N, C-alpha and C. Protein backbone atom coordinates (compact mmCIF):
# COMPACT_ATOMS: atom_id res chain seq x y z
N MET A 1 109.14 70.57 87.88
CA MET A 1 109.27 72.03 87.77
C MET A 1 108.73 72.68 89.05
N ALA A 2 109.51 73.63 89.58
CA ALA A 2 109.08 74.31 90.81
C ALA A 2 107.88 75.19 90.53
N THR A 3 106.97 75.21 91.44
CA THR A 3 105.78 76.05 91.29
C THR A 3 105.82 77.16 92.31
N ARG A 4 105.23 78.27 91.97
CA ARG A 4 105.18 79.43 92.87
C ARG A 4 104.17 79.19 93.99
N THR A 5 104.59 79.47 95.21
CA THR A 5 103.71 79.28 96.36
C THR A 5 102.62 80.35 96.35
N PRO A 6 101.35 79.95 96.39
CA PRO A 6 100.26 80.93 96.38
C PRO A 6 100.37 81.87 97.57
N ARG A 7 99.87 83.09 97.37
CA ARG A 7 99.91 84.10 98.43
C ARG A 7 99.23 83.59 99.70
N LYS A 8 98.11 82.87 99.56
CA LYS A 8 97.35 82.43 100.72
C LYS A 8 98.12 81.42 101.56
N ASN A 9 99.13 80.74 100.97
CA ASN A 9 99.85 79.70 101.68
C ASN A 9 101.16 80.20 102.28
N ARG A 10 101.44 81.49 102.18
CA ARG A 10 102.64 82.01 102.80
C ARG A 10 102.56 81.83 104.31
N THR A 11 103.72 81.72 104.96
CA THR A 11 103.72 81.61 106.41
C THR A 11 103.28 82.93 107.01
N ARG A 12 102.72 82.83 108.23
CA ARG A 12 102.29 84.04 108.93
C ARG A 12 103.48 84.96 109.20
N THR A 13 104.67 84.38 109.45
CA THR A 13 105.86 85.19 109.73
C THR A 13 106.22 86.04 108.53
N ASP A 14 106.23 85.43 107.31
CA ASP A 14 106.56 86.19 106.12
C ASP A 14 105.56 87.30 105.88
N THR A 15 104.27 86.99 106.08
CA THR A 15 103.23 87.99 105.88
C THR A 15 103.39 89.14 106.86
N SER A 16 103.68 88.79 108.11
CA SER A 16 103.83 89.82 109.14
C SER A 16 104.98 90.76 108.80
N ALA A 17 106.10 90.19 108.32
CA ALA A 17 107.24 91.03 107.97
C ALA A 17 106.90 91.98 106.84
N SER A 18 106.17 91.48 105.85
CA SER A 18 105.77 92.35 104.74
C SER A 18 104.85 93.45 105.22
N PHE A 19 103.89 93.08 106.07
CA PHE A 19 102.97 94.08 106.62
C PHE A 19 103.73 95.17 107.35
N GLN A 20 104.74 94.77 108.16
CA GLN A 20 105.46 95.76 108.95
C GLN A 20 106.20 96.74 108.07
N LEU A 21 106.87 96.25 107.03
CA LEU A 21 107.58 97.14 106.12
C LEU A 21 106.62 98.08 105.40
N LEU A 22 105.51 97.55 104.93
CA LEU A 22 104.53 98.37 104.23
C LEU A 22 103.86 99.35 105.17
N LEU A 23 103.64 98.93 106.40
CA LEU A 23 103.02 99.81 107.39
C LEU A 23 103.91 101.02 107.65
N ASN A 24 105.20 100.79 107.83
CA ASN A 24 106.13 101.90 108.05
C ASN A 24 106.12 102.86 106.88
N ARG A 25 106.06 102.32 105.67
CA ARG A 25 106.02 103.17 104.49
C ARG A 25 104.77 104.02 104.47
N GLN A 26 103.64 103.40 104.77
CA GLN A 26 102.37 104.11 104.67
C GLN A 26 102.24 105.20 105.72
N LEU A 27 102.63 104.89 106.94
CA LEU A 27 102.48 105.87 108.02
C LEU A 27 103.37 107.09 107.79
N SER A 28 104.57 106.89 107.22
CA SER A 28 105.48 108.01 107.02
C SER A 28 105.15 108.80 105.76
N HIS A 29 104.55 108.15 104.78
CA HIS A 29 104.34 108.81 103.49
C HIS A 29 102.91 109.31 103.30
N ALA A 30 101.93 108.50 103.70
CA ALA A 30 100.53 108.87 103.44
C ALA A 30 99.95 109.78 104.49
N ARG A 31 100.59 109.86 105.65
CA ARG A 31 100.12 110.73 106.73
C ARG A 31 98.66 110.47 107.08
N LEU A 32 98.38 109.24 107.47
CA LEU A 32 97.03 108.87 107.86
C LEU A 32 96.61 109.65 109.10
N SER A 33 95.31 109.82 109.25
CA SER A 33 94.79 110.47 110.44
C SER A 33 95.06 109.57 111.64
N PRO A 34 95.08 110.15 112.87
CA PRO A 34 95.31 109.31 114.05
C PRO A 34 94.34 108.14 114.15
N GLY A 35 93.06 108.36 113.80
CA GLY A 35 92.10 107.28 113.86
C GLY A 35 92.42 106.17 112.87
N ALA A 36 92.82 106.57 111.67
CA ALA A 36 93.18 105.56 110.66
C ALA A 36 94.42 104.80 111.07
N GLN A 37 95.38 105.51 111.67
CA GLN A 37 96.58 104.83 112.14
C GLN A 37 96.24 103.78 113.18
N GLN A 38 95.37 104.12 114.14
CA GLN A 38 95.02 103.17 115.18
C GLN A 38 94.30 101.96 114.60
N ALA A 39 93.42 102.20 113.61
CA ALA A 39 92.70 101.09 112.98
C ALA A 39 93.67 100.17 112.25
N LEU A 40 94.65 100.77 111.57
CA LEU A 40 95.61 99.98 110.82
C LEU A 40 96.51 99.18 111.76
N LEU A 41 96.96 99.82 112.84
CA LEU A 41 97.79 99.12 113.81
C LEU A 41 97.02 97.96 114.45
N GLY A 42 95.74 98.19 114.72
CA GLY A 42 94.92 97.13 115.27
C GLY A 42 94.77 95.97 114.31
N ALA A 43 94.64 96.30 113.03
CA ALA A 43 94.51 95.24 112.02
C ALA A 43 95.78 94.41 111.93
N VAL A 44 96.93 95.07 112.02
CA VAL A 44 98.19 94.34 111.98
C VAL A 44 98.31 93.41 113.18
N GLU A 45 97.90 93.90 114.34
CA GLU A 45 97.97 93.07 115.56
C GLU A 45 97.10 91.83 115.42
N VAL A 46 95.91 92.02 114.85
CA VAL A 46 95.03 90.87 114.64
C VAL A 46 95.64 89.90 113.64
N ALA A 47 96.18 90.46 112.55
CA ALA A 47 96.71 89.62 111.48
C ALA A 47 97.90 88.80 111.94
N THR A 48 98.69 89.35 112.86
CA THR A 48 99.88 88.64 113.31
C THR A 48 99.61 87.70 114.47
N GLY A 49 98.47 87.87 115.14
CA GLY A 49 98.22 87.04 116.31
C GLY A 49 97.00 86.16 116.22
N ALA A 50 96.11 86.42 115.28
CA ALA A 50 94.87 85.66 115.19
C ALA A 50 94.96 84.63 114.07
N SER A 51 93.84 83.97 113.83
CA SER A 51 93.81 82.96 112.77
C SER A 51 92.45 82.97 112.11
N ASN A 52 92.36 82.23 111.00
CA ASN A 52 91.10 82.00 110.30
C ASN A 52 90.39 83.30 109.93
N THR A 53 89.12 83.43 110.31
CA THR A 53 88.29 84.54 109.82
C THR A 53 88.83 85.89 110.22
N ALA A 54 89.20 86.06 111.50
CA ALA A 54 89.69 87.36 111.96
C ALA A 54 90.94 87.78 111.21
N ALA A 55 91.86 86.84 111.02
CA ALA A 55 93.10 87.17 110.31
C ALA A 55 92.84 87.52 108.86
N ARG A 56 91.92 86.77 108.22
CA ARG A 56 91.62 87.07 106.81
C ARG A 56 90.99 88.45 106.68
N GLU A 57 90.12 88.80 107.61
CA GLU A 57 89.51 90.14 107.56
C GLU A 57 90.57 91.22 107.75
N ALA A 58 91.51 90.98 108.66
CA ALA A 58 92.58 91.95 108.88
C ALA A 58 93.47 92.05 107.64
N ASP A 59 93.78 90.89 107.01
CA ASP A 59 94.57 90.91 105.79
C ASP A 59 93.90 91.76 104.71
N SER A 60 92.58 91.62 104.59
CA SER A 60 91.85 92.38 103.57
C SER A 60 91.90 93.87 103.86
N LEU A 61 91.78 94.25 105.14
CA LEU A 61 91.83 95.65 105.51
C LEU A 61 93.19 96.25 105.19
N ILE A 62 94.25 95.53 105.55
CA ILE A 62 95.61 96.03 105.30
C ILE A 62 95.88 96.12 103.80
N THR A 63 95.46 95.11 103.06
CA THR A 63 95.66 95.13 101.61
C THR A 63 94.93 96.30 100.97
N ALA A 64 93.73 96.61 101.48
CA ALA A 64 92.96 97.74 100.93
C ALA A 64 93.70 99.05 101.12
N TRP A 65 94.40 99.20 102.25
CA TRP A 65 95.15 100.43 102.50
C TRP A 65 96.49 100.45 101.76
N LEU A 66 97.20 99.28 101.78
CA LEU A 66 98.58 99.28 101.33
C LEU A 66 98.80 98.65 99.96
N GLY A 67 97.82 97.91 99.46
CA GLY A 67 98.02 97.20 98.21
C GLY A 67 98.67 95.85 98.46
N GLU A 68 98.78 95.05 97.41
CA GLU A 68 99.39 93.73 97.52
C GLU A 68 100.87 93.86 97.88
N ALA A 69 101.34 92.95 98.72
CA ALA A 69 102.75 92.96 99.10
C ALA A 69 103.61 92.50 97.92
N PRO A 70 104.64 93.27 97.55
CA PRO A 70 105.54 92.84 96.47
C PRO A 70 106.22 91.54 96.83
N GLU A 71 106.49 90.70 95.82
CA GLU A 71 107.15 89.43 96.06
C GLU A 71 108.63 89.63 96.38
N ASP A 72 109.26 90.63 95.80
CA ASP A 72 110.70 90.84 95.91
C ASP A 72 111.02 91.70 97.13
N PRO A 73 111.79 91.20 98.10
CA PRO A 73 112.16 92.02 99.27
C PRO A 73 112.87 93.31 98.88
N ALA A 74 113.65 93.26 97.80
CA ALA A 74 114.34 94.47 97.35
C ALA A 74 113.35 95.54 96.92
N GLN A 75 112.22 95.10 96.37
CA GLN A 75 111.19 96.05 95.96
C GLN A 75 110.59 96.74 97.18
N LEU A 76 110.40 95.97 98.25
CA LEU A 76 109.91 96.55 99.50
C LEU A 76 110.87 97.62 100.01
N GLU A 77 112.14 97.29 100.02
CA GLU A 77 113.15 98.24 100.49
C GLU A 77 113.20 99.47 99.61
N PHE A 78 113.10 99.26 98.30
CA PHE A 78 113.13 100.39 97.36
C PHE A 78 111.94 101.32 97.60
N GLU A 79 110.76 100.75 97.77
CA GLU A 79 109.57 101.57 97.98
C GLU A 79 109.65 102.34 99.29
N ALA A 80 110.19 101.68 100.34
CA ALA A 80 110.35 102.38 101.61
C ALA A 80 111.34 103.53 101.47
N LEU A 81 112.44 103.29 100.76
CA LEU A 81 113.44 104.33 100.55
C LEU A 81 112.88 105.45 99.69
N GLN A 82 112.11 105.09 98.68
CA GLN A 82 111.48 106.07 97.80
C GLN A 82 110.55 106.98 98.61
N ALA A 83 109.81 106.39 99.55
CA ALA A 83 108.90 107.17 100.38
C ALA A 83 109.67 108.15 101.26
N ARG A 84 110.82 107.72 101.79
CA ARG A 84 111.62 108.60 102.64
C ARG A 84 112.20 109.76 101.85
N PHE A 85 112.63 109.50 100.62
CA PHE A 85 113.13 110.59 99.79
C PHE A 85 112.01 111.57 99.45
N ALA A 86 110.82 111.05 99.18
CA ALA A 86 109.68 111.92 98.90
C ALA A 86 109.35 112.78 100.12
N SER A 87 109.44 112.17 101.30
CA SER A 87 109.21 112.92 102.54
C SER A 87 110.25 114.02 102.70
N ARG A 88 111.49 113.73 102.37
CA ARG A 88 112.55 114.74 102.47
C ARG A 88 112.29 115.90 101.52
N ARG A 89 111.90 115.57 100.28
CA ARG A 89 111.62 116.64 99.30
C ARG A 89 110.46 117.51 99.76
N ASP A 90 109.44 116.86 100.32
CA ASP A 90 108.29 117.62 100.82
C ASP A 90 108.70 118.55 101.95
N LEU A 91 109.54 118.07 102.84
CA LEU A 91 110.02 118.89 103.95
C LEU A 91 110.80 120.10 103.44
N LEU A 92 111.67 119.88 102.48
CA LEU A 92 112.53 120.95 101.98
C LEU A 92 111.75 122.02 101.23
N GLN A 93 110.57 121.68 100.75
CA GLN A 93 109.74 122.67 100.06
C GLN A 93 109.24 123.75 101.01
N HIS A 94 109.29 123.46 102.30
CA HIS A 94 108.77 124.39 103.30
C HIS A 94 109.89 124.91 104.19
N CYS A 95 111.05 125.12 103.58
CA CYS A 95 112.21 125.60 104.31
C CYS A 95 112.72 126.90 103.70
N ILE A 96 113.50 127.64 104.48
CA ILE A 96 114.15 128.86 104.00
C ILE A 96 115.64 128.79 104.30
N GLY A 97 116.41 129.63 103.61
CA GLY A 97 117.85 129.64 103.79
C GLY A 97 118.30 130.55 104.93
N THR A 98 119.60 130.56 105.16
CA THR A 98 120.16 131.33 106.26
C THR A 98 119.87 132.82 106.13
N ASN A 99 120.02 133.38 104.94
CA ASN A 99 119.77 134.81 104.77
C ASN A 99 118.31 135.17 105.05
N ASP A 100 117.40 134.27 104.69
CA ASP A 100 115.98 134.52 104.98
C ASP A 100 115.71 134.49 106.49
N VAL A 101 116.41 133.61 107.20
CA VAL A 101 116.25 133.57 108.66
C VAL A 101 116.73 134.88 109.28
N VAL A 102 117.83 135.39 108.76
CA VAL A 102 118.35 136.67 109.26
C VAL A 102 117.31 137.77 109.10
N ARG A 103 116.69 137.83 107.93
CA ARG A 103 115.68 138.86 107.68
C ARG A 103 114.43 138.62 108.52
N LEU A 104 114.02 137.36 108.62
CA LEU A 104 112.80 137.04 109.35
C LEU A 104 112.90 137.41 110.82
N LEU A 105 114.02 137.10 111.43
CA LEU A 105 114.20 137.33 112.86
C LEU A 105 114.84 138.68 113.19
N GLY A 106 115.20 139.44 112.15
CA GLY A 106 115.81 140.74 112.38
C GLY A 106 117.18 140.64 113.02
N LEU A 107 117.96 139.66 112.59
CA LEU A 107 119.29 139.45 113.15
C LEU A 107 120.32 140.35 112.47
N ARG A 108 121.47 140.49 113.09
CA ARG A 108 122.49 141.41 112.57
C ARG A 108 123.35 140.78 111.48
N ASN A 109 123.56 139.48 111.54
CA ASN A 109 124.41 138.84 110.54
C ASN A 109 124.01 137.38 110.37
N ARG A 110 124.51 136.76 109.30
CA ARG A 110 124.12 135.39 108.97
C ARG A 110 124.80 134.35 109.85
N GLN A 111 125.74 134.76 110.68
CA GLN A 111 126.38 133.81 111.57
C GLN A 111 125.47 133.43 112.74
N THR A 112 124.59 134.35 113.11
CA THR A 112 123.73 134.09 114.27
C THR A 112 122.85 132.86 114.09
N PRO A 113 122.16 132.66 112.95
CA PRO A 113 121.37 131.42 112.80
C PRO A 113 122.24 130.17 112.89
N LEU A 114 123.47 130.25 112.39
CA LEU A 114 124.35 129.09 112.44
C LEU A 114 124.78 128.81 113.89
N ASP A 115 125.00 129.89 114.66
CA ASP A 115 125.32 129.71 116.08
C ASP A 115 124.15 129.08 116.82
N ARG A 116 122.94 129.52 116.50
CA ARG A 116 121.75 128.96 117.15
C ARG A 116 121.52 127.52 116.71
N LEU A 117 121.87 127.22 115.48
CA LEU A 117 121.77 125.84 115.01
C LEU A 117 122.73 124.95 115.79
N LYS A 118 123.95 125.44 115.99
CA LYS A 118 124.94 124.68 116.75
C LYS A 118 124.50 124.50 118.21
N ALA A 119 123.83 125.50 118.74
CA ALA A 119 123.33 125.44 120.12
C ALA A 119 122.03 124.65 120.23
N ARG A 120 121.51 124.19 119.11
CA ARG A 120 120.27 123.40 119.04
C ARG A 120 119.05 124.20 119.50
N THR A 121 119.06 125.48 119.20
CA THR A 121 117.86 126.29 119.46
C THR A 121 117.12 126.59 118.16
N LEU A 122 117.69 126.18 117.04
CA LEU A 122 117.03 126.18 115.74
C LEU A 122 117.30 124.83 115.08
N LEU A 123 116.43 124.47 114.15
CA LEU A 123 116.56 123.20 113.43
C LEU A 123 116.77 123.49 111.95
N ALA A 124 117.69 122.79 111.33
CA ALA A 124 117.94 122.95 109.90
C ALA A 124 118.39 121.62 109.30
N ILE A 125 118.16 121.50 107.99
CA ILE A 125 118.54 120.30 107.24
C ILE A 125 119.61 120.69 106.23
N ARG A 126 120.66 119.91 106.15
CA ARG A 126 121.73 120.18 105.19
C ARG A 126 121.32 119.67 103.81
N GLU A 127 121.34 120.54 102.83
CA GLU A 127 120.93 120.17 101.47
C GLU A 127 121.82 120.89 100.47
N GLN A 128 122.58 120.11 99.68
CA GLN A 128 123.47 120.65 98.65
C GLN A 128 124.40 121.71 99.24
N GLY A 129 124.95 121.42 100.40
CA GLY A 129 125.93 122.30 101.01
C GLY A 129 125.36 123.51 101.72
N GLN A 130 124.03 123.62 101.78
CA GLN A 130 123.40 124.77 102.41
C GLN A 130 122.46 124.30 103.52
N TRP A 131 122.32 125.14 104.55
CA TRP A 131 121.37 124.84 105.62
C TRP A 131 119.99 125.36 105.25
N ARG A 132 118.98 124.49 105.41
CA ARG A 132 117.61 124.86 105.11
C ARG A 132 116.79 124.73 106.39
N PHE A 133 116.11 125.82 106.79
CA PHE A 133 115.41 125.90 108.06
C PHE A 133 113.90 125.74 107.85
N PRO A 134 113.28 124.71 108.43
CA PRO A 134 111.83 124.53 108.28
C PRO A 134 111.07 125.74 108.83
N LEU A 135 110.11 126.21 108.05
CA LEU A 135 109.36 127.40 108.45
C LEU A 135 108.48 127.17 109.67
N TRP A 136 108.01 125.94 109.88
CA TRP A 136 107.05 125.71 110.94
C TRP A 136 107.63 125.91 112.34
N GLN A 137 108.94 126.01 112.48
CA GLN A 137 109.52 126.20 113.81
C GLN A 137 109.45 127.65 114.29
N PHE A 138 109.19 128.57 113.35
CA PHE A 138 109.20 129.99 113.71
C PHE A 138 107.83 130.45 114.20
N ASP A 139 107.86 131.35 115.19
CA ASP A 139 106.64 131.88 115.79
C ASP A 139 106.92 133.31 116.22
N ALA A 140 106.23 134.26 115.61
CA ALA A 140 106.46 135.67 115.91
C ALA A 140 106.17 136.00 117.38
N ASP A 141 105.33 135.19 118.02
CA ASP A 141 104.99 135.44 119.42
C ASP A 141 105.82 134.60 120.39
N GLY A 142 106.66 133.74 119.87
CA GLY A 142 107.44 132.85 120.73
C GLY A 142 108.77 133.45 121.15
N PRO A 143 109.39 132.92 122.18
CA PRO A 143 110.69 133.41 122.63
C PRO A 143 111.76 133.22 121.55
N ASP A 144 112.48 134.29 121.28
CA ASP A 144 113.54 134.27 120.25
C ASP A 144 113.01 133.88 118.88
N GLY A 145 111.70 134.08 118.66
CA GLY A 145 111.14 133.89 117.34
C GLY A 145 110.81 132.46 116.96
N VAL A 146 110.81 131.54 117.94
CA VAL A 146 110.46 130.15 117.64
C VAL A 146 109.35 129.69 118.58
N ILE A 147 108.76 128.52 118.28
CA ILE A 147 107.71 127.97 119.13
C ILE A 147 108.24 127.76 120.54
N ALA A 148 107.50 128.19 121.51
CA ALA A 148 107.91 128.04 122.91
C ALA A 148 108.16 126.57 123.24
N GLY A 149 109.31 126.29 123.83
CA GLY A 149 109.66 124.93 124.21
C GLY A 149 110.41 124.15 123.16
N LEU A 150 110.45 124.64 121.93
CA LEU A 150 111.11 123.88 120.86
C LEU A 150 112.60 123.64 121.14
N PRO A 151 113.36 124.64 121.60
CA PRO A 151 114.78 124.37 121.87
C PRO A 151 114.99 123.24 122.87
N GLU A 152 114.16 123.17 123.90
CA GLU A 152 114.29 122.09 124.88
C GLU A 152 114.02 120.73 124.25
N VAL A 153 113.04 120.68 123.37
CA VAL A 153 112.71 119.42 122.69
C VAL A 153 113.83 119.02 121.73
N LEU A 154 114.36 119.97 121.00
CA LEU A 154 115.47 119.67 120.09
C LEU A 154 116.65 119.10 120.85
N ALA A 155 116.93 119.66 122.02
CA ALA A 155 118.05 119.18 122.82
C ALA A 155 117.79 117.78 123.37
N ALA A 156 116.52 117.46 123.59
CA ALA A 156 116.17 116.16 124.19
C ALA A 156 116.13 115.03 123.17
N LEU A 157 115.97 115.37 121.88
CA LEU A 157 115.85 114.33 120.85
C LEU A 157 117.23 113.80 120.46
N PRO A 158 117.51 112.52 120.71
CA PRO A 158 118.83 111.96 120.42
C PRO A 158 118.94 111.37 119.02
N VAL A 159 118.48 112.12 118.02
CA VAL A 159 118.50 111.64 116.64
C VAL A 159 119.00 112.75 115.72
N ALA A 160 119.24 112.41 114.47
CA ALA A 160 119.74 113.38 113.49
C ALA A 160 118.67 114.44 113.19
N ASP A 161 119.12 115.56 112.63
CA ASP A 161 118.22 116.69 112.40
C ASP A 161 117.03 116.33 111.51
N LEU A 162 117.26 115.56 110.46
CA LEU A 162 116.15 115.19 109.58
C LEU A 162 115.14 114.33 110.32
N SER A 163 115.62 113.42 111.15
CA SER A 163 114.71 112.59 111.95
C SER A 163 113.94 113.44 112.96
N LYS A 164 114.59 114.46 113.51
CA LYS A 164 113.89 115.38 114.41
C LYS A 164 112.73 116.06 113.69
N ALA A 165 113.01 116.54 112.48
CA ALA A 165 111.98 117.23 111.71
C ALA A 165 110.81 116.31 111.41
N ARG A 166 111.09 115.07 111.07
CA ARG A 166 110.02 114.13 110.78
C ARG A 166 109.21 113.83 112.04
N TRP A 167 109.91 113.60 113.14
CA TRP A 167 109.23 113.26 114.38
C TRP A 167 108.32 114.39 114.85
N LEU A 168 108.79 115.60 114.73
CA LEU A 168 108.01 116.75 115.20
C LEU A 168 106.69 116.91 114.44
N GLN A 169 106.63 116.39 113.22
CA GLN A 169 105.43 116.54 112.40
C GLN A 169 104.57 115.28 112.36
N ARG A 170 104.98 114.26 113.09
CA ARG A 170 104.28 112.97 113.03
C ARG A 170 103.31 112.83 114.21
N PRO A 171 102.04 112.51 113.96
CA PRO A 171 101.10 112.29 115.06
C PRO A 171 101.60 111.22 116.02
N GLN A 172 101.48 111.49 117.31
CA GLN A 172 101.95 110.56 118.34
C GLN A 172 100.77 110.07 119.19
N PRO A 173 100.57 108.76 119.29
CA PRO A 173 99.44 108.24 120.08
C PRO A 173 99.42 108.74 121.51
N LEU A 174 100.58 108.85 122.16
CA LEU A 174 100.62 109.27 123.55
C LEU A 174 100.44 110.78 123.72
N LEU A 175 100.33 111.49 122.59
CA LEU A 175 99.97 112.91 122.63
C LEU A 175 98.53 113.08 122.12
N ASP A 176 97.75 112.03 122.27
CA ASP A 176 96.34 112.04 121.85
C ASP A 176 96.20 112.29 120.35
N GLY A 177 97.15 111.76 119.58
CA GLY A 177 97.09 111.90 118.13
C GLY A 177 97.61 113.22 117.60
N GLN A 178 98.04 114.10 118.48
CA GLN A 178 98.61 115.36 118.03
C GLN A 178 100.05 115.14 117.54
N THR A 179 100.53 116.02 116.68
CA THR A 179 101.95 116.04 116.40
C THR A 179 102.64 116.76 117.56
N PRO A 180 103.92 116.52 117.79
CA PRO A 180 104.63 117.26 118.83
C PRO A 180 104.55 118.77 118.63
N LEU A 181 104.57 119.24 117.40
CA LEU A 181 104.45 120.68 117.15
C LEU A 181 103.11 121.21 117.63
N GLN A 182 102.05 120.46 117.33
CA GLN A 182 100.72 120.89 117.78
C GLN A 182 100.64 120.91 119.30
N ALA A 183 101.23 119.90 119.94
CA ALA A 183 101.21 119.85 121.39
C ALA A 183 102.01 121.01 122.00
N LEU A 184 103.14 121.36 121.38
CA LEU A 184 103.92 122.49 121.87
C LEU A 184 103.12 123.78 121.76
N ARG A 185 102.46 123.96 120.64
CA ARG A 185 101.65 125.19 120.45
C ARG A 185 100.50 125.25 121.46
N ALA A 186 100.09 124.08 121.98
CA ALA A 186 99.03 124.04 122.97
C ALA A 186 99.58 124.12 124.39
N GLY A 187 100.88 124.35 124.52
CA GLY A 187 101.49 124.52 125.83
C GLY A 187 101.79 123.23 126.58
N GLN A 188 101.91 122.11 125.85
CA GLN A 188 102.12 120.81 126.49
C GLN A 188 103.58 120.38 126.43
N LEU A 189 104.46 121.26 126.87
CA LEU A 189 105.90 121.01 126.78
C LEU A 189 106.32 119.76 127.55
N VAL A 190 105.82 119.57 128.75
CA VAL A 190 106.24 118.43 129.57
C VAL A 190 105.91 117.11 128.86
N ARG A 191 104.72 117.03 128.28
CA ARG A 191 104.32 115.80 127.58
C ARG A 191 105.21 115.56 126.38
N VAL A 192 105.52 116.61 125.64
CA VAL A 192 106.36 116.46 124.45
C VAL A 192 107.77 116.04 124.84
N LEU A 193 108.30 116.63 125.89
CA LEU A 193 109.63 116.26 126.35
C LEU A 193 109.69 114.78 126.77
N THR A 194 108.65 114.31 127.41
CA THR A 194 108.60 112.90 127.81
C THR A 194 108.68 111.99 126.59
N GLU A 195 107.93 112.34 125.55
CA GLU A 195 107.95 111.56 124.33
C GLU A 195 109.29 111.69 123.62
N ALA A 196 109.85 112.88 123.59
CA ALA A 196 111.13 113.11 122.91
C ALA A 196 112.24 112.28 123.53
N ARG A 197 112.26 112.22 124.84
CA ARG A 197 113.31 111.45 125.52
C ARG A 197 113.16 109.96 125.28
N ALA A 198 111.94 109.51 124.98
CA ALA A 198 111.70 108.09 124.72
C ALA A 198 112.11 107.66 123.33
N VAL A 199 112.37 108.64 122.45
CA VAL A 199 112.75 108.29 121.08
C VAL A 199 113.99 107.41 121.07
N GLY A 200 114.93 107.68 121.94
CA GLY A 200 116.15 106.88 122.00
C GLY A 200 115.93 105.50 122.60
N CYS A 201 114.69 105.23 123.03
CA CYS A 201 114.38 103.92 123.63
C CYS A 201 113.60 103.05 122.67
N GLY A 202 113.74 103.32 121.36
CA GLY A 202 113.10 102.48 120.37
C GLY A 202 112.02 103.13 119.58
N GLN A 203 111.65 104.38 119.92
CA GLN A 203 110.66 105.10 119.13
C GLN A 203 111.38 105.93 118.10
N ASP A 204 110.57 106.48 117.12
CA ASP A 204 111.15 107.35 116.10
C ASP A 204 110.18 108.46 115.78
C-alpha cells in the first residue's frame, strides 16, 4: 500500500514552489509592511538556498506567516485566485462612477471622463458594464484634478487597468517601501516612472 510522503521529506524544489505561490498570495492580499515583506523575502531566499538548521528556521518563519502549504496544487491556485478577487472587491469599494467624476471635477458632460480615460489621464476599472474610477487618483490641488505625474505613470505602465491600480497601491522596495502613489505625492515622479517602465521587464 502506498504511503503518504511526510512533509519533512518533500524535495526542496516542491517546497520552494509552494512557498512562492503562497508568498504571492500573502503579499497581494495581506498587505504586509515593507519591513515584514523584506523579512519574508529573506526567509524564502534562505529556505530555497540553505540547508539544515537555517532552512528549518526559515521554513518555520514562512509557515507562521502563511500557514501550512496545501497538498493539492489546485487548492493553491484557488486560494491565489480567491485573494485576487478579494483584492478586486476591495478596490471597487473605493471607486466612483462616471457621473460622480463629472460632479467632482466640475466637468460639462459625462463624455469628458471617458475621453480622459481613453487618453490615459484617468484610471478606471470596468465592472458590470460600467466604468469605476478609484478615488485615490483625484487631488483637488493637482493638475486637472488628479495627483501630479499620474497621467505620465499611467502611460508608462504596459499592463491592464486593474494591474495598474494594484501596482500603484503596492509598496515597492526600490521606492524605499513607499507605494507609487505615496512617492508621487512626495514629488518623486522620476523614480516612479523608472519603476513603472520596468514593470514590463518582469515586475508587477
